[in-house]
Amino acid sequence: MTLSEKIQDLMNRGIAASREAVSKAGTQAQVWGEMGVLKVEIIQYRSQVEKLSAQLGAEVYATFAEKGQKSLSAESPAVRDLIGRIRDTERAIEEKEGRFRKLGGKDADLDQPAG
């Protein structure tokens, strides 16, 4: 192999290695971006569960304290709707957390504020 062929071969290997490194970096950046989006969505869903739980508590309070009723059933329309919405949101959280973990995220990462 001539000197010019050796130099050309070396350059080709360097270019190939650079392309591979850029490709891997781009893929990792995409994964991190998806993880960031998932984390924000999870935080939003958790906040939604807190608000729905507060609404449920307000409904229970209103039933007993303001309306003077002695009992309340999980089948009453307002309570049933709120419980259903909470369960749906919790299922969405579980699905998003599963995807987050599958991408390499850790539960501890979800306990920190996004940003």
C-alpha atoms as a PDB file:
ATOM      1  CA  MET A   1       0.000   0.000   0.000  1.00  0.00           C
ATOM      2  CA  THR A   2       1.406   3.378  -0.989  1.00  0.00           C
ATOM      3  CA  LEU A   3       1.712   6.265   1.407  1.00  0.00           C
ATOM      4  CA  SER A   4      -1.159   8.123  -0.259  1.00  0.00           C
ATOM      5  CA  GLU A   5      -3.352   5.007   0.013  1.00  0.00           C
ATOM      6  CA  LYS A   6      -2.480   4.680   3.704  1.00  0.00           C
ATOM      7  CA  ILE A   7      -3.343   8.341   4.308  1.00  0.00           C
ATOM      8  CA  GLN A   8      -6.609   7.956   2.375  1.00  0.00           C
ATOM      9  CA  ASP A   9      -7.478   4.817   4.373  1.00  0.00           C
ATOM     10  CA  LEU A  10      -6.711   6.586   7.651  1.00  0.00           C
ATOM     11  CA  MET A  11      -8.878   9.569   6.657  1.00  0.00           C
ATOM     12  CA  ASN A  12     -11.738   7.285   5.639  1.00  0.00           C
ATOM     13  CA  ARG A  13     -11.618   5.485   8.992  1.00  0.00           C
ATOM     14  CA  GLY A  14     -11.556   8.839  10.807  1.00  0.00           C
ATOM     15  CA  ILE A  15     -14.557  10.093   8.837  1.00  0.00           C
ATOM     16  CA  ALA A  16     -16.455   6.845   9.493  1.00  0.00           C
ATOM     17  CA  ALA A  17     -15.702   7.095  13.222  1.00  0.00           C
ATOM     18  CA  SER A  18     -16.859  10.723  13.261  1.00  0.00           C
ATOM     19  CA  ARG A  19     -20.123   9.836  11.505  1.00  0.00           C
ATOM     20  CA  GLU A  20     -20.763   7.056  13.987  1.00  0.00           C
ATOM     21  CA  ALA A  21     -20.074   9.353  16.947  1.00  0.00           C
ATOM     22  CA  VAL A  22     -22.399  12.043  15.566  1.00  0.00           C
ATOM     23  CA  SER A  23     -25.094   9.444  14.930  1.00  0.00           C
ATOM     24  CA  LYS A  24     -24.842   8.087  18.478  1.00  0.00           C
ATOM     25  CA  ALA A  25     -24.898  11.598  19.946  1.00  0.00           C
ATOM     26  CA  GLY A  26     -27.979  12.470  17.904  1.00  0.00           C
ATOM     27  CA  THR A  27     -29.757   9.319  19.024  1.00  0.00           C
ATOM     28  CA  GLN A  28     -28.920   9.977  22.673  1.00  0.00           C
ATOM     29  CA  ALA A  29     -30.096  13.590  22.385  1.00  0.00           C
ATOM     30  CA  GLN A  30     -33.384  12.321  20.974  1.00  0.00           C
ATOM     31  CA  VAL A  31     -33.772   9.896  23.905  1.00  0.00           C
ATOM     32  CA  TRP A  32     -33.053  12.669  26.415  1.00  0.00           C
ATOM     33  CA  GLY A  33     -35.551  14.914  24.661  1.00  0.00           C
ATOM     34  CA  GLU A  34     -38.244  12.243  24.851  1.00  0.00           C
ATOM     35  CA  MET A  35     -37.434  11.634  28.514  1.00  0.00           C
ATOM     36  CA  GLY A  36     -37.786  15.369  29.203  1.00  0.00           C
ATOM     37  CA  VAL A  37     -41.195  15.465  27.525  1.00  0.00           C
ATOM     38  CA  LEU A  38     -42.326  12.402  29.480  1.00  0.00           C
ATOM     39  CA  LYS A  39     -41.143  13.932  32.749  1.00  0.00           C
ATOM     40  CA  VAL A  40     -43.115  17.120  32.100  1.00  0.00           C
ATOM     41  CA  GLU A  41     -46.220  15.110  31.176  1.00  0.00           C
ATOM     42  CA  ILE A  42     -45.902  12.982  34.323  1.00  0.00           C
ATOM     43  CA  ILE A  43     -45.590  16.087  36.494  1.00  0.00           C
ATOM     44  CA  GLN A  44     -48.668  17.595  34.820  1.00  0.00           C
ATOM     45  CA  TYR A  45     -50.675  14.403  35.332  1.00  0.00           C
ATOM     46  CA  ARG A  46     -49.619  14.225  38.988  1.00  0.00           C
ATOM     47  CA  SER A  47     -50.771  17.801  39.455  1.00  0.00           C
ATOM     48  CA  GLN A  48     -54.063  16.918  37.806  1.00  0.00           C
ATOM     49  CA  VAL A  49     -54.537  14.010  40.246  1.00  0.00           C
ATOM     50  CA  GLU A  50     -53.925  16.388  43.161  1.00  0.00           C
ATOM     51  CA  LYS A  51     -56.542  18.829  41.839  1.00  0.00           C
ATOM     52  CA  LEU A  52     -59.066  16.050  41.229  1.00  0.00           C
ATOM     53  CA  SER A  53     -58.433  14.688  44.732  1.00  0.00           C
ATOM     54  CA  ALA A  54     -59.036  18.145  46.163  1.00  0.00           C
ATOM     55  CA  GLN A  55     -62.295  18.356  44.193  1.00  0.00           C
ATOM     56  CA  LEU A  56     -63.301  14.960  45.562  1.00  0.00           C
ATOM     57  CA  GLY A  57     -62.568  16.154  49.098  1.00  0.00           C
ATOM     58  CA  ALA A  58     -64.596  19.321  48.499  1.00  0.00           C
ATOM     59  CA  GLU A  59     -67.501  17.217  47.225  1.00  0.00           C
ATOM     60  CA  VAL A  60     -67.358  15.004  50.323  1.00  0.00           C
ATOM     61  CA  TYR A  61     -67.192  18.055  52.586  1.00  0.00           C
ATOM     62  CA  ALA A  62     -70.112  19.718  50.803  1.00  0.00           C
ATOM     63  CA  THR A  63     -72.188  16.556  51.072  1.00  0.00           C
ATOM     64  CA  PHE A  64     -71.684  16.198  54.815  1.00  0.00           C
ATOM     65  CA  ALA A  65     -71.174  19.740  56.095  1.00  0.00           C
ATOM     66  CA  GLU A  66     -73.199  21.878  53.717  1.00  0.00           C
ATOM     67  CA  LYS A  67     -75.959  19.520  52.567  1.00  0.00           C
ATOM     68  CA  GLY A  68     -76.214  17.731  55.922  1.00  0.00           C
ATOM     69  CA  GLN A  69     -76.311  14.255  54.417  1.00  0.00           C
ATOM     70  CA  LYS A  70     -75.319  11.370  56.668  1.00  0.00           C
ATOM     71  CA  SER A  71     -73.728   9.143  54.031  1.00  0.00           C
ATOM     72  CA  LEU A  72     -72.125   9.262  50.633  1.00  0.00           C
ATOM     73  CA  SER A  73     -71.606   6.492  48.129  1.00  0.00           C
ATOM     74  CA  ALA A  74     -68.841   5.981  45.588  1.00  0.00           C
ATOM     75  CA  GLU A  75     -71.731   5.548  43.151  1.00  0.00           C
ATOM     76  CA  SER A  76     -73.077   9.066  43.586  1.00  0.00           C
ATOM     77  CA  PRO A  77     -72.670  10.818  40.201  1.00  0.00           C
ATOM     78  CA  ALA A  78     -70.181  13.522  41.250  1.00  0.00           C
ATOM     79  CA  VAL A  79     -68.039  11.140  43.269  1.00  0.00           C
ATOM     80  CA  ARG A  80     -68.128   8.399  40.605  1.00  0.00           C
ATOM     81  CA  ASP A  81     -67.044  10.895  37.921  1.00  0.00           C
ATOM     82  CA  LEU A  82     -64.151  12.234  39.988  1.00  0.00           C
ATOM     83  CA  ILE A  83     -62.965   8.758  40.979  1.00  0.00           C
ATOM     84  CA  GLY A  84     -63.086   7.689  37.323  1.00  0.00           C
ATOM     85  CA  ARG A  85     -61.077  10.704  36.229  1.00  0.00           C
ATOM     86  CA  ILE A  86     -58.499  10.086  38.966  1.00  0.00           C
ATOM     87  CA  ARG A  87     -58.137   6.428  37.947  1.00  0.00           C
ATOM     88  CA  ASP A  88     -57.792   7.347  34.255  1.00  0.00           C
ATOM     89  CA  THR A  89     -55.117   9.899  35.081  1.00  0.00           C
ATOM     90  CA  GLU A  90     -53.257   7.455  37.323  1.00  0.00           C
ATOM     91  CA  ARG A  91     -53.247   4.903  34.473  1.00  0.00           C
ATOM     92  CA  ALA A  92     -51.800   7.560  32.158  1.00  0.00           C
ATOM     93  CA  ILE A  93     -49.099   8.290  34.757  1.00  0.00           C
ATOM     94  CA  GLU A  94     -48.194   4.600  35.004  1.00  0.00           C
ATOM     95  CA  GLU A  95     -47.945   4.321  31.211  1.00  0.00           C
ATOM     96  CA  LYS A  96     -45.728   7.420  30.950  1.00  0.00           C
ATOM     97  CA  GLU A  97     -43.548   6.267  33.861  1.00  0.00           C
ATOM     98  CA  GLY A  98     -43.122   2.881  32.172  1.00  0.00           C
ATOM     99  CA  ARG A  99     -41.976   4.530  28.953  1.00  0.00           C
ATOM    100  CA  PHE A 100     -39.653   6.803  30.959  1.00  0.00           C
ATOM    101  CA  ARG A 101     -38.055   3.802  32.693  1.00  0.00           C
ATOM    102  CA  LYS A 102     -37.765   1.905  29.404  1.00  0.00           C
ATOM    103  CA  LEU A 103     -35.704   4.794  28.014  1.00  0.00           C
ATOM    104  CA  GLY A 104     -33.351   4.512  30.999  1.00  0.00           C
ATOM    105  CA  GLY A 105     -34.947   6.978  33.388  1.00  0.00           C
ATOM    106  CA  LYS A 106     -34.973   6.357  37.118  1.00  0.00           C
ATOM    107  CA  ASP A 107     -37.817   6.880  39.577  1.00  0.00           C
ATOM    108  CA  ALA A 108     -35.663   9.355  41.523  1.00  0.00           C
ATOM    109  CA  ASP A 109     -35.499  11.518  38.381  1.00  0.00           C
ATOM    110  CA  LEU A 110     -39.275  11.853  38.470  1.00  0.00           C
ATOM    111  CA  ASP A 111     -39.257  13.156  42.025  1.00  0.00           C
ATOM    112  CA  GLN A 112     -37.258  16.221  40.985  1.00  0.00           C
ATOM    113  CA  PRO A 113     -38.811  19.273  39.330  1.00  0.00           C
ATOM    114  CA  ALA A 114     -38.495  19.445  35.539  1.00  0.00           C
ATOM    115  CA  GLY A 115     -35.982  21.893  34.215  1.00  0.00           C
END
